[in-house]
Amino acid sequence: MSLADLRKDYSLAGLVEKDLARDPFRQFDKWFQEAQGAKIPEPNAMVVATATREGRPSTRTVLLKGIDGRGFVFYTNYESRKGREIEANARVSLLFPWIAIERQIIVEGTVTKVSREESAAYFHSRPQASQIGAWASQQSAVIGSRALLEQAFKAAEKKYAGSEIPMPPQWGGYRVNPETVEFWQGRRSRLHDRLRYRREANGDWTIERLSP
């Protein structure tokens, strides 16, 4: 079968303006609960797109770990590739690809670091092995072998045995403050519904339909 033959006509649902919540955070919560109800694997998995100051892009999948009226939160190593790119260029995009229910959510906005207190609270809620891994991994750095990574993990495990594991200074959270949030619903004949919330200068949200 060729790639051209891999075609599906979307028909599960539609999306009209009258059905939308007043702000994108409430609408996200509604769709997120429906994604959970549909048993989407890891519905909080999102593709995070960043770019260098010169505009060279990169993407990766991370997990959403918080959302409120201030934005979307995820955690990482600040010295990773995405951390370095965010430091140089705070504009990012998030994509939630819920293909099984023929939906996507696309967020565009700017990033700020969450407080050290908020980061520490989340860090200490993680499994102990994940906390140790944050010390063992120099995320995005070239490494000679898997064995070296495992040795670093064992060394950190031994160092913090029997004590609370401190949060690494280079580790923490980012909050994406959205400027636009697009809700995409697949429709027949590729005439998809695309409804976008756009934040005005006064903080209000305008809803606009985009052509598919």
N, C-alpha and C. Protein backbone atom coordinates (compact mmCIF):
# COMPACT_ATOMS: atom_id res chain seq x y z
N MET A 1 0.85 -1.20 0.00
CA MET A 1 0.00 0.00 0.00
C MET A 1 0.88 1.25 0.00
N SER A 2 0.58 2.19 -0.86
CA SER A 2 1.36 3.42 -0.94
C SER A 2 0.86 4.42 0.08
N LEU A 3 1.67 5.44 0.32
CA LEU A 3 1.26 6.49 1.25
C LEU A 3 -0.01 7.18 0.77
N ALA A 4 -0.16 7.30 -0.53
CA ALA A 4 -1.35 7.96 -1.08
C ALA A 4 -2.63 7.18 -0.75
N ASP A 5 -2.49 5.89 -0.51
CA ASP A 5 -3.66 5.07 -0.20
C ASP A 5 -4.05 5.13 1.28
N LEU A 6 -3.17 5.69 2.12
CA LEU A 6 -3.46 5.78 3.55
C LEU A 6 -4.32 7.00 3.80
N ARG A 7 -5.60 6.86 3.57
CA ARG A 7 -6.53 7.99 3.66
C ARG A 7 -7.75 7.58 4.46
N LYS A 8 -8.15 8.44 5.38
CA LYS A 8 -9.35 8.20 6.18
C LYS A 8 -10.22 9.44 6.13
N ASP A 9 -11.52 9.24 5.97
CA ASP A 9 -12.45 10.37 6.00
C ASP A 9 -12.96 10.52 7.42
N TYR A 10 -12.79 11.70 8.02
CA TYR A 10 -13.16 11.91 9.41
C TYR A 10 -14.65 12.19 9.54
N SER A 11 -15.29 11.54 10.50
CA SER A 11 -16.75 11.67 10.58
C SER A 11 -17.30 11.55 12.00
N LEU A 12 -16.46 11.60 13.01
CA LEU A 12 -16.94 11.36 14.37
C LEU A 12 -17.78 12.50 14.93
N ALA A 13 -17.43 13.74 14.60
CA ALA A 13 -18.10 14.87 15.23
C ALA A 13 -17.87 16.14 14.42
N GLY A 14 -18.56 17.20 14.83
CA GLY A 14 -18.35 18.52 14.27
C GLY A 14 -18.11 19.50 15.40
N LEU A 15 -17.75 20.73 15.06
CA LEU A 15 -17.49 21.75 16.06
C LEU A 15 -18.04 23.08 15.56
N VAL A 16 -18.97 23.65 16.30
CA VAL A 16 -19.57 24.94 15.91
C VAL A 16 -19.39 25.93 17.05
N GLU A 17 -19.43 27.19 16.68
CA GLU A 17 -19.13 28.27 17.61
C GLU A 17 -20.02 28.24 18.86
N LYS A 18 -21.28 27.95 18.70
CA LYS A 18 -22.21 28.01 19.83
C LYS A 18 -21.90 26.96 20.91
N ASP A 19 -21.14 25.94 20.55
CA ASP A 19 -20.81 24.89 21.50
C ASP A 19 -19.53 25.17 22.30
N LEU A 20 -18.82 26.24 21.96
CA LEU A 20 -17.55 26.51 22.62
C LEU A 20 -17.74 27.19 23.98
N ALA A 21 -16.82 26.89 24.90
CA ALA A 21 -16.75 27.60 26.17
C ALA A 21 -16.29 29.03 25.92
N ARG A 22 -16.46 29.89 26.93
CA ARG A 22 -16.12 31.30 26.75
C ARG A 22 -14.62 31.54 26.67
N ASP A 23 -13.83 30.65 27.27
CA ASP A 23 -12.38 30.83 27.17
C ASP A 23 -11.73 29.49 26.82
N PRO A 24 -10.53 29.51 26.28
CA PRO A 24 -9.90 28.28 25.80
C PRO A 24 -9.54 27.29 26.89
N PHE A 25 -9.33 27.76 28.11
CA PHE A 25 -8.96 26.85 29.19
C PHE A 25 -10.14 25.94 29.56
N ARG A 26 -11.34 26.48 29.59
CA ARG A 26 -12.52 25.67 29.86
C ARG A 26 -12.78 24.71 28.70
N GLN A 27 -12.58 25.19 27.48
CA GLN A 27 -12.78 24.32 26.33
C GLN A 27 -11.74 23.21 26.31
N PHE A 28 -10.50 23.53 26.67
CA PHE A 28 -9.46 22.50 26.75
C PHE A 28 -9.85 21.45 27.78
N ASP A 29 -10.31 21.89 28.94
CA ASP A 29 -10.69 20.94 29.99
C ASP A 29 -11.81 20.02 29.50
N LYS A 30 -12.77 20.56 28.78
CA LYS A 30 -13.87 19.75 28.25
C LYS A 30 -13.34 18.69 27.29
N TRP A 31 -12.51 19.10 26.34
CA TRP A 31 -11.97 18.14 25.37
C TRP A 31 -11.02 17.16 26.05
N PHE A 32 -10.26 17.62 27.04
CA PHE A 32 -9.32 16.73 27.72
C PHE A 32 -10.08 15.62 28.44
N GLN A 33 -11.16 15.98 29.10
CA GLN A 33 -11.96 14.97 29.78
C GLN A 33 -12.54 13.97 28.77
N GLU A 34 -12.94 14.48 27.60
CA GLU A 34 -13.47 13.58 26.58
C GLU A 34 -12.37 12.67 26.03
N ALA A 35 -11.15 13.18 25.91
CA ALA A 35 -10.02 12.35 25.48
C ALA A 35 -9.73 11.26 26.50
N GLN A 36 -9.82 11.61 27.78
CA GLN A 36 -9.64 10.60 28.83
C GLN A 36 -10.75 9.55 28.76
N GLY A 37 -11.98 10.02 28.55
CA GLY A 37 -13.11 9.10 28.44
C GLY A 37 -12.99 8.15 27.27
N ALA A 38 -12.34 8.63 26.20
CA ALA A 38 -12.12 7.79 25.01
C ALA A 38 -10.89 6.90 25.17
N LYS A 39 -10.23 6.98 26.33
CA LYS A 39 -9.06 6.16 26.64
C LYS A 39 -7.91 6.41 25.66
N ILE A 40 -7.72 7.68 25.29
CA ILE A 40 -6.54 8.06 24.52
C ILE A 40 -5.30 7.79 25.37
N PRO A 41 -4.30 7.07 24.87
CA PRO A 41 -3.08 6.84 25.66
C PRO A 41 -2.37 8.17 25.95
N GLU A 42 -2.09 8.42 27.21
CA GLU A 42 -1.41 9.64 27.63
C GLU A 42 -1.96 10.88 26.92
N PRO A 43 -3.20 11.26 27.21
CA PRO A 43 -3.77 12.43 26.55
C PRO A 43 -3.04 13.72 26.87
N ASN A 44 -2.23 13.73 27.92
CA ASN A 44 -1.44 14.92 28.25
C ASN A 44 -0.11 14.98 27.50
N ALA A 45 0.14 14.02 26.61
CA ALA A 45 1.35 14.09 25.77
C ALA A 45 1.17 15.18 24.72
N MET A 46 2.15 16.02 24.59
CA MET A 46 2.06 17.14 23.63
C MET A 46 3.41 17.34 22.95
N VAL A 47 3.36 17.74 21.70
CA VAL A 47 4.57 18.07 20.95
C VAL A 47 4.90 19.53 21.24
N VAL A 48 6.10 19.78 21.72
CA VAL A 48 6.56 21.13 22.01
C VAL A 48 7.54 21.56 20.92
N ALA A 49 7.20 22.62 20.22
CA ALA A 49 8.07 23.15 19.18
C ALA A 49 8.75 24.42 19.68
N THR A 50 10.08 24.44 19.58
CA THR A 50 10.86 25.61 19.93
C THR A 50 11.73 25.98 18.74
N ALA A 51 12.41 27.11 18.84
CA ALA A 51 13.29 27.53 17.75
C ALA A 51 14.43 28.36 18.31
N THR A 52 15.54 28.34 17.61
CA THR A 52 16.68 29.18 17.99
C THR A 52 16.36 30.64 17.69
N ARG A 53 17.22 31.51 18.11
CA ARG A 53 17.05 32.92 17.83
C ARG A 53 17.01 33.16 16.31
N GLU A 54 17.73 32.32 15.56
CA GLU A 54 17.76 32.46 14.10
C GLU A 54 16.56 31.80 13.43
N GLY A 55 15.73 31.10 14.19
CA GLY A 55 14.54 30.48 13.63
C GLY A 55 14.67 29.02 13.26
N ARG A 56 15.76 28.36 13.64
CA ARG A 56 15.90 26.93 13.36
C ARG A 56 15.04 26.14 14.35
N PRO A 57 14.05 25.38 13.87
CA PRO A 57 13.10 24.75 14.78
C PRO A 57 13.54 23.37 15.26
N SER A 58 12.93 22.94 16.35
CA SER A 58 13.08 21.56 16.83
C SER A 58 11.81 21.18 17.58
N THR A 59 11.50 19.90 17.62
CA THR A 59 10.30 19.42 18.30
C THR A 59 10.62 18.19 19.14
N ARG A 60 9.76 17.94 20.13
CA ARG A 60 9.84 16.74 20.95
C ARG A 60 8.52 16.60 21.68
N THR A 61 8.25 15.40 22.19
CA THR A 61 7.02 15.16 22.93
C THR A 61 7.31 15.17 24.42
N VAL A 62 6.56 15.98 25.16
CA VAL A 62 6.67 16.02 26.61
C VAL A 62 5.26 15.88 27.20
N LEU A 63 5.17 15.83 28.52
CA LEU A 63 3.88 15.66 29.18
C LEU A 63 3.42 16.96 29.84
N LEU A 64 2.19 17.34 29.57
CA LEU A 64 1.58 18.46 30.26
C LEU A 64 1.39 18.08 31.72
N LYS A 65 1.83 18.95 32.63
CA LYS A 65 1.74 18.63 34.06
C LYS A 65 0.91 19.64 34.85
N GLY A 66 0.35 20.63 34.17
CA GLY A 66 -0.50 21.59 34.86
C GLY A 66 -1.14 22.53 33.88
N ILE A 67 -2.37 22.97 34.19
CA ILE A 67 -3.03 23.98 33.38
C ILE A 67 -3.98 24.76 34.27
N ASP A 68 -3.96 26.09 34.11
CA ASP A 68 -4.91 26.96 34.79
C ASP A 68 -5.04 28.21 33.92
N GLY A 69 -5.65 29.25 34.46
CA GLY A 69 -5.86 30.45 33.67
C GLY A 69 -4.59 31.17 33.27
N ARG A 70 -3.46 30.76 33.84
CA ARG A 70 -2.18 31.39 33.48
C ARG A 70 -1.50 30.69 32.32
N GLY A 71 -1.82 29.42 32.08
CA GLY A 71 -1.19 28.74 30.96
C GLY A 71 -0.98 27.26 31.18
N PHE A 72 -0.15 26.67 30.30
CA PHE A 72 0.13 25.23 30.24
C PHE A 72 1.53 24.98 30.78
N VAL A 73 1.68 24.04 31.71
CA VAL A 73 2.95 23.83 32.41
C VAL A 73 3.56 22.48 32.07
N PHE A 74 4.87 22.49 31.80
CA PHE A 74 5.64 21.26 31.68
C PHE A 74 6.99 21.46 32.35
N TYR A 75 7.68 20.34 32.62
CA TYR A 75 8.94 20.38 33.36
C TYR A 75 10.06 19.74 32.53
N THR A 76 11.27 20.22 32.75
CA THR A 76 12.40 19.74 31.96
C THR A 76 13.71 20.20 32.58
N ASN A 77 14.79 19.81 31.92
CA ASN A 77 16.12 20.30 32.26
C ASN A 77 16.33 21.62 31.51
N TYR A 78 16.61 22.69 32.23
CA TYR A 78 16.77 24.00 31.59
C TYR A 78 17.99 24.05 30.67
N GLU A 79 18.92 23.10 30.82
CA GLU A 79 20.11 23.10 29.97
C GLU A 79 19.95 22.16 28.77
N SER A 80 18.76 21.59 28.59
CA SER A 80 18.48 20.76 27.42
C SER A 80 18.40 21.63 26.17
N ARG A 81 18.25 20.98 25.02
CA ARG A 81 18.14 21.77 23.79
C ARG A 81 16.94 22.70 23.84
N LYS A 82 15.78 22.19 24.28
CA LYS A 82 14.60 23.05 24.32
C LYS A 82 14.79 24.18 25.33
N GLY A 83 15.49 23.87 26.46
CA GLY A 83 15.74 24.91 27.44
C GLY A 83 16.62 26.02 26.89
N ARG A 84 17.66 25.63 26.16
CA ARG A 84 18.54 26.64 25.56
C ARG A 84 17.81 27.46 24.51
N GLU A 85 16.97 26.80 23.72
CA GLU A 85 16.24 27.53 22.69
C GLU A 85 15.20 28.46 23.30
N ILE A 86 14.53 28.03 24.35
CA ILE A 86 13.56 28.89 25.02
C ILE A 86 14.26 30.10 25.62
N GLU A 87 15.46 29.90 26.14
CA GLU A 87 16.22 31.02 26.70
C GLU A 87 16.50 32.07 25.63
N ALA A 88 16.73 31.61 24.40
CA ALA A 88 17.05 32.53 23.30
C ALA A 88 15.81 33.05 22.60
N ASN A 89 14.73 32.28 22.63
CA ASN A 89 13.52 32.63 21.88
C ASN A 89 12.33 32.06 22.65
N ALA A 90 11.60 32.92 23.35
CA ALA A 90 10.55 32.46 24.26
C ALA A 90 9.25 32.08 23.57
N ARG A 91 9.18 32.17 22.26
CA ARG A 91 7.95 31.83 21.54
C ARG A 91 7.94 30.33 21.23
N VAL A 92 6.85 29.64 21.59
CA VAL A 92 6.75 28.20 21.39
C VAL A 92 5.36 27.85 20.87
N SER A 93 5.24 26.60 20.43
CA SER A 93 3.94 26.06 20.03
C SER A 93 3.79 24.68 20.66
N LEU A 94 2.55 24.35 21.08
CA LEU A 94 2.22 23.05 21.62
C LEU A 94 1.18 22.39 20.72
N LEU A 95 1.28 21.07 20.56
CA LEU A 95 0.30 20.33 19.76
C LEU A 95 -0.13 19.08 20.52
N PHE A 96 -1.44 18.95 20.75
CA PHE A 96 -2.01 17.74 21.33
C PHE A 96 -2.65 16.95 20.19
N PRO A 97 -2.05 15.83 19.77
CA PRO A 97 -2.53 15.08 18.59
C PRO A 97 -3.43 13.91 18.98
N TRP A 98 -4.69 14.17 19.19
CA TRP A 98 -5.63 13.12 19.60
C TRP A 98 -6.26 12.50 18.36
N ILE A 99 -5.45 11.78 17.60
CA ILE A 99 -5.86 11.26 16.30
C ILE A 99 -7.04 10.30 16.42
N ALA A 100 -7.08 9.49 17.46
CA ALA A 100 -8.12 8.47 17.59
C ALA A 100 -9.52 9.07 17.67
N ILE A 101 -9.63 10.29 18.16
CA ILE A 101 -10.94 10.95 18.22
C ILE A 101 -11.01 12.11 17.22
N GLU A 102 -10.06 12.12 16.28
CA GLU A 102 -10.07 13.06 15.15
C GLU A 102 -10.01 14.51 15.62
N ARG A 103 -9.15 14.75 16.60
CA ARG A 103 -9.02 16.10 17.15
C ARG A 103 -7.56 16.48 17.34
N GLN A 104 -7.32 17.79 17.26
CA GLN A 104 -6.03 18.36 17.64
C GLN A 104 -6.29 19.65 18.39
N ILE A 105 -5.37 20.00 19.29
CA ILE A 105 -5.37 21.32 19.90
C ILE A 105 -3.98 21.91 19.68
N ILE A 106 -3.93 23.14 19.18
CA ILE A 106 -2.66 23.80 18.88
C ILE A 106 -2.60 25.10 19.68
N VAL A 107 -1.55 25.23 20.47
CA VAL A 107 -1.35 26.40 21.33
C VAL A 107 -0.12 27.15 20.85
N GLU A 108 -0.23 28.46 20.73
CA GLU A 108 0.93 29.30 20.44
C GLU A 108 1.03 30.39 21.49
N GLY A 109 2.24 30.62 21.98
CA GLY A 109 2.40 31.64 23.00
C GLY A 109 3.84 31.82 23.41
N THR A 110 4.02 32.43 24.55
CA THR A 110 5.36 32.70 25.08
C THR A 110 5.54 31.99 26.41
N VAL A 111 6.81 31.73 26.75
CA VAL A 111 7.14 30.90 27.90
C VAL A 111 7.80 31.72 29.00
N THR A 112 7.43 31.39 30.24
CA THR A 112 8.17 31.88 31.40
C THR A 112 8.44 30.70 32.32
N LYS A 113 9.45 30.81 33.16
CA LYS A 113 9.74 29.76 34.13
C LYS A 113 8.72 29.84 35.27
N VAL A 114 8.31 28.67 35.76
CA VAL A 114 7.49 28.67 36.96
C VAL A 114 8.39 28.91 38.16
N SER A 115 7.82 29.22 39.31
CA SER A 115 8.63 29.51 40.49
C SER A 115 9.38 28.27 40.94
N ARG A 116 10.50 28.49 41.65
CA ARG A 116 11.26 27.36 42.19
C ARG A 116 10.41 26.56 43.18
N GLU A 117 9.54 27.25 43.93
CA GLU A 117 8.69 26.56 44.89
C GLU A 117 7.72 25.63 44.17
N GLU A 118 7.12 26.10 43.09
CA GLU A 118 6.18 25.27 42.33
C GLU A 118 6.91 24.10 41.69
N SER A 119 8.10 24.36 41.15
CA SER A 119 8.88 23.28 40.54
C SER A 119 9.27 22.24 41.58
N ALA A 120 9.70 22.69 42.76
CA ALA A 120 10.12 21.75 43.80
C ALA A 120 8.96 20.89 44.27
N ALA A 121 7.77 21.49 44.38
CA ALA A 121 6.60 20.71 44.81
C ALA A 121 6.31 19.59 43.82
N TYR A 122 6.42 19.91 42.52
CA TYR A 122 6.18 18.85 41.54
C TYR A 122 7.33 17.84 41.55
N PHE A 123 8.58 18.32 41.63
CA PHE A 123 9.73 17.42 41.61
C PHE A 123 9.61 16.36 42.69
N HIS A 124 9.21 16.76 43.88
CA HIS A 124 9.16 15.81 44.99
C HIS A 124 7.90 14.93 44.97
N SER A 125 7.00 15.21 44.02
CA SER A 125 5.86 14.32 43.84
C SER A 125 6.17 13.21 42.85
N ARG A 126 7.31 13.30 42.17
CA ARG A 126 7.67 12.31 41.16
C ARG A 126 8.19 11.03 41.82
N PRO A 127 8.15 9.90 41.10
CA PRO A 127 8.76 8.67 41.64
C PRO A 127 10.25 8.91 41.93
N GLN A 128 10.75 8.23 42.94
CA GLN A 128 12.15 8.44 43.35
C GLN A 128 13.11 8.20 42.19
N ALA A 129 12.86 7.18 41.39
CA ALA A 129 13.76 6.89 40.27
C ALA A 129 13.80 8.04 39.27
N SER A 130 12.66 8.70 39.06
CA SER A 130 12.64 9.85 38.15
C SER A 130 13.42 11.02 38.74
N GLN A 131 13.34 11.20 40.06
CA GLN A 131 14.13 12.26 40.70
C GLN A 131 15.62 11.99 40.53
N ILE A 132 16.03 10.74 40.72
CA ILE A 132 17.44 10.38 40.56
C ILE A 132 17.86 10.57 39.10
N GLY A 133 16.98 10.20 38.18
CA GLY A 133 17.29 10.36 36.77
C GLY A 133 17.57 11.79 36.38
N ALA A 134 16.90 12.73 37.04
CA ALA A 134 17.13 14.15 36.74
C ALA A 134 18.55 14.57 37.09
N TRP A 135 19.15 13.92 38.09
CA TRP A 135 20.54 14.19 38.45
C TRP A 135 21.50 13.44 37.52
N ALA A 136 21.11 12.25 37.08
CA ALA A 136 22.02 11.42 36.28
C ALA A 136 22.15 11.89 34.84
N SER A 137 21.09 12.49 34.30
CA SER A 137 21.08 12.83 32.88
C SER A 137 21.41 14.30 32.63
N GLN A 138 22.40 14.51 31.78
CA GLN A 138 22.68 15.85 31.26
C GLN A 138 21.93 15.97 29.93
N GLN A 139 20.66 16.26 30.02
CA GLN A 139 19.75 16.13 28.88
C GLN A 139 20.26 16.86 27.64
N SER A 140 20.23 16.17 26.52
CA SER A 140 20.63 16.65 25.18
C SER A 140 22.13 16.66 24.96
N ALA A 141 22.94 16.40 26.01
CA ALA A 141 24.39 16.36 25.84
C ALA A 141 24.81 15.04 25.18
N VAL A 142 25.85 15.08 24.38
CA VAL A 142 26.39 13.85 23.78
C VAL A 142 26.96 12.97 24.89
N ILE A 143 26.66 11.66 24.83
CA ILE A 143 27.14 10.73 25.84
C ILE A 143 27.77 9.53 25.14
N GLY A 144 28.85 9.01 25.73
CA GLY A 144 29.62 7.96 25.08
C GLY A 144 28.93 6.62 24.98
N SER A 145 28.09 6.28 25.97
CA SER A 145 27.45 4.96 25.95
C SER A 145 26.30 4.92 26.93
N ARG A 146 25.45 3.91 26.77
CA ARG A 146 24.38 3.68 27.73
C ARG A 146 24.95 3.33 29.10
N ALA A 147 26.07 2.63 29.11
CA ALA A 147 26.68 2.23 30.37
C ALA A 147 27.06 3.43 31.22
N LEU A 148 27.53 4.50 30.59
CA LEU A 148 27.90 5.70 31.33
C LEU A 148 26.68 6.32 32.00
N LEU A 149 25.55 6.31 31.29
CA LEU A 149 24.32 6.85 31.86
C LEU A 149 23.88 6.03 33.06
N GLU A 150 23.94 4.72 32.94
CA GLU A 150 23.54 3.85 34.04
C GLU A 150 24.48 3.99 35.24
N GLN A 151 25.77 4.21 34.95
CA GLN A 151 26.72 4.44 36.05
C GLN A 151 26.39 5.73 36.78
N ALA A 152 26.03 6.77 36.04
CA ALA A 152 25.67 8.05 36.65
C ALA A 152 24.42 7.90 37.50
N PHE A 153 23.48 7.08 37.03
CA PHE A 153 22.26 6.84 37.79
C PHE A 153 22.58 6.13 39.11
N LYS A 154 23.41 5.10 39.04
CA LYS A 154 23.77 4.35 40.25
C LYS A 154 24.52 5.22 41.24
N ALA A 155 25.37 6.10 40.73
CA ALA A 155 26.13 6.99 41.62
C ALA A 155 25.19 7.96 42.34
N ALA A 156 24.21 8.50 41.61
CA ALA A 156 23.24 9.41 42.23
C ALA A 156 22.36 8.66 43.21
N GLU A 157 21.99 7.44 42.86
CA GLU A 157 21.16 6.62 43.73
C GLU A 157 21.88 6.36 45.06
N LYS A 158 23.17 6.07 44.97
CA LYS A 158 23.97 5.82 46.17
C LYS A 158 24.13 7.09 46.99
N LYS A 159 24.37 8.21 46.33
CA LYS A 159 24.61 9.48 47.01
C LYS A 159 23.40 9.90 47.84
N TYR A 160 22.18 9.68 47.31
CA TYR A 160 20.98 10.16 47.98
C TYR A 160 20.21 9.06 48.70
N ALA A 161 20.82 7.91 48.87
CA ALA A 161 20.15 6.80 49.55
C ALA A 161 19.77 7.21 50.97
N GLY A 162 18.51 7.00 51.32
CA GLY A 162 18.05 7.27 52.67
C GLY A 162 17.81 8.73 53.00
N SER A 163 17.88 9.60 52.00
CA SER A 163 17.66 11.03 52.26
C SER A 163 16.77 11.62 51.18
N GLU A 164 16.19 12.78 51.46
CA GLU A 164 15.37 13.46 50.45
C GLU A 164 16.26 13.92 49.30
N ILE A 165 15.81 13.69 48.10
CA ILE A 165 16.60 14.05 46.92
C ILE A 165 16.32 15.51 46.58
N PRO A 166 17.33 16.36 46.58
CA PRO A 166 17.09 17.77 46.25
C PRO A 166 16.82 17.94 44.76
N MET A 167 16.12 18.99 44.43
CA MET A 167 15.86 19.28 43.02
C MET A 167 17.12 19.87 42.39
N PRO A 168 17.56 19.34 41.25
CA PRO A 168 18.75 19.90 40.59
C PRO A 168 18.54 21.37 40.24
N PRO A 169 19.58 22.18 40.34
CA PRO A 169 19.43 23.62 40.05
C PRO A 169 19.07 23.90 38.60
N GLN A 170 19.38 22.98 37.69
CA GLN A 170 19.11 23.18 36.27
C GLN A 170 17.76 22.59 35.84
N TRP A 171 16.96 22.17 36.80
CA TRP A 171 15.70 21.50 36.49
C TRP A 171 14.53 22.35 36.99
N GLY A 172 13.44 22.37 36.20
CA GLY A 172 12.27 23.13 36.65
C GLY A 172 11.19 23.19 35.60
N GLY A 173 10.22 24.03 35.84
CA GLY A 173 9.05 24.09 34.98
C GLY A 173 9.00 25.31 34.09
N TYR A 174 8.24 25.18 33.01
CA TYR A 174 7.93 26.29 32.12
C TYR A 174 6.41 26.42 32.04
N ARG A 175 5.95 27.65 31.94
CA ARG A 175 4.53 27.91 31.72
C ARG A 175 4.36 28.62 30.38
N VAL A 176 3.54 28.02 29.50
CA VAL A 176 3.25 28.61 28.21
C VAL A 176 2.00 29.47 28.34
N ASN A 177 2.16 30.77 28.20
CA ASN A 177 1.05 31.71 28.26
C ASN A 177 0.49 31.87 26.85
N PRO A 178 -0.70 31.34 26.56
CA PRO A 178 -1.16 31.29 25.17
C PRO A 178 -1.62 32.63 24.62
N GLU A 179 -1.28 32.84 23.36
CA GLU A 179 -1.81 33.97 22.60
C GLU A 179 -2.94 33.50 21.69
N THR A 180 -2.81 32.26 21.19
CA THR A 180 -3.88 31.64 20.42
C THR A 180 -4.00 30.18 20.84
N VAL A 181 -5.23 29.65 20.79
CA VAL A 181 -5.48 28.23 21.03
C VAL A 181 -6.48 27.77 19.98
N GLU A 182 -6.06 26.84 19.13
CA GLU A 182 -6.92 26.36 18.05
C GLU A 182 -7.45 24.96 18.37
N PHE A 183 -8.74 24.79 18.22
CA PHE A 183 -9.39 23.49 18.39
C PHE A 183 -9.78 22.98 17.00
N TRP A 184 -9.21 21.84 16.65
CA TRP A 184 -9.34 21.26 15.30
C TRP A 184 -10.14 19.97 15.40
N GLN A 185 -11.22 19.91 14.65
CA GLN A 185 -12.06 18.72 14.61
C GLN A 185 -12.13 18.22 13.17
N GLY A 186 -11.72 16.97 12.96
CA GLY A 186 -11.75 16.41 11.61
C GLY A 186 -13.18 16.28 11.10
N ARG A 187 -13.34 16.57 9.79
CA ARG A 187 -14.66 16.45 9.14
C ARG A 187 -14.49 15.77 7.78
N ARG A 188 -15.59 15.36 7.22
CA ARG A 188 -15.57 14.69 5.91
C ARG A 188 -15.02 15.61 4.83
N SER A 189 -14.46 14.96 3.80
CA SER A 189 -13.95 15.65 2.61
C SER A 189 -12.88 16.68 2.93
N ARG A 190 -12.21 16.51 4.07
CA ARG A 190 -11.15 17.42 4.53
C ARG A 190 -11.67 18.82 4.81
N LEU A 191 -12.97 18.97 5.01
CA LEU A 191 -13.53 20.27 5.37
C LEU A 191 -13.59 20.37 6.90
N HIS A 192 -12.43 20.35 7.50
CA HIS A 192 -12.30 20.28 8.94
C HIS A 192 -12.80 21.56 9.61
N ASP A 193 -13.25 21.42 10.86
CA ASP A 193 -13.59 22.59 11.68
C ASP A 193 -12.35 23.05 12.42
N ARG A 194 -12.03 24.34 12.27
CA ARG A 194 -10.89 24.93 12.96
C ARG A 194 -11.37 26.22 13.63
N LEU A 195 -11.52 26.18 14.94
CA LEU A 195 -11.96 27.34 15.69
C LEU A 195 -10.84 27.79 16.62
N ARG A 196 -10.46 29.05 16.48
CA ARG A 196 -9.30 29.56 17.19
C ARG A 196 -9.69 30.67 18.15
N TYR A 197 -9.20 30.54 19.40
CA TYR A 197 -9.29 31.63 20.37
C TYR A 197 -8.05 32.50 20.19
N ARG A 198 -8.25 33.80 20.09
CA ARG A 198 -7.13 34.74 19.97
C ARG A 198 -7.26 35.79 21.08
N ARG A 199 -6.18 35.95 21.86
CA ARG A 199 -6.22 36.88 22.98
C ARG A 199 -6.04 38.32 22.49
N GLU A 200 -6.96 39.18 22.91
CA GLU A 200 -6.86 40.60 22.58
C GLU A 200 -5.95 41.31 23.57
N ALA A 201 -5.60 42.56 23.26
CA ALA A 201 -4.69 43.32 24.11
C ALA A 201 -5.26 43.51 25.52
N ASN A 202 -6.58 43.55 25.65
CA ASN A 202 -7.20 43.75 26.96
C ASN A 202 -7.39 42.44 27.73
N GLY A 203 -6.92 41.32 27.15
CA GLY A 203 -7.03 40.03 27.81
C GLY A 203 -8.25 39.22 27.44
N ASP A 204 -9.21 39.83 26.74
CA ASP A 204 -10.39 39.09 26.30
C ASP A 204 -10.02 38.15 25.15
N TRP A 205 -10.88 37.15 24.94
CA TRP A 205 -10.65 36.18 23.86
C TRP A 205 -11.64 36.40 22.73
N THR A 206 -11.12 36.43 21.51
CA THR A 206 -11.95 36.47 20.31
C THR A 206 -11.91 35.10 19.67
N ILE A 207 -13.07 34.60 19.25
CA ILE A 207 -13.15 33.30 18.58
C ILE A 207 -13.34 33.53 17.09
N GLU A 208 -12.52 32.87 16.29
CA GLU A 208 -12.60 33.00 14.84
C GLU A 208 -12.47 31.64 14.18
N ARG A 209 -13.20 31.48 13.09
CA ARG A 209 -13.15 30.21 12.33
C ARG A 209 -12.09 30.35 11.24
N LEU A 210 -11.27 29.33 11.09
CA LEU A 210 -10.24 29.29 10.06
C LEU A 210 -10.65 28.33 8.96
N SER A 211 -10.31 28.66 7.75
CA SER A 211 -10.57 27.76 6.64
C SER A 211 -9.68 26.55 6.75
N PRO A 212 -10.21 25.36 6.45
CA PRO A 212 -9.37 24.16 6.51
C PRO A 212 -8.38 24.07 5.37
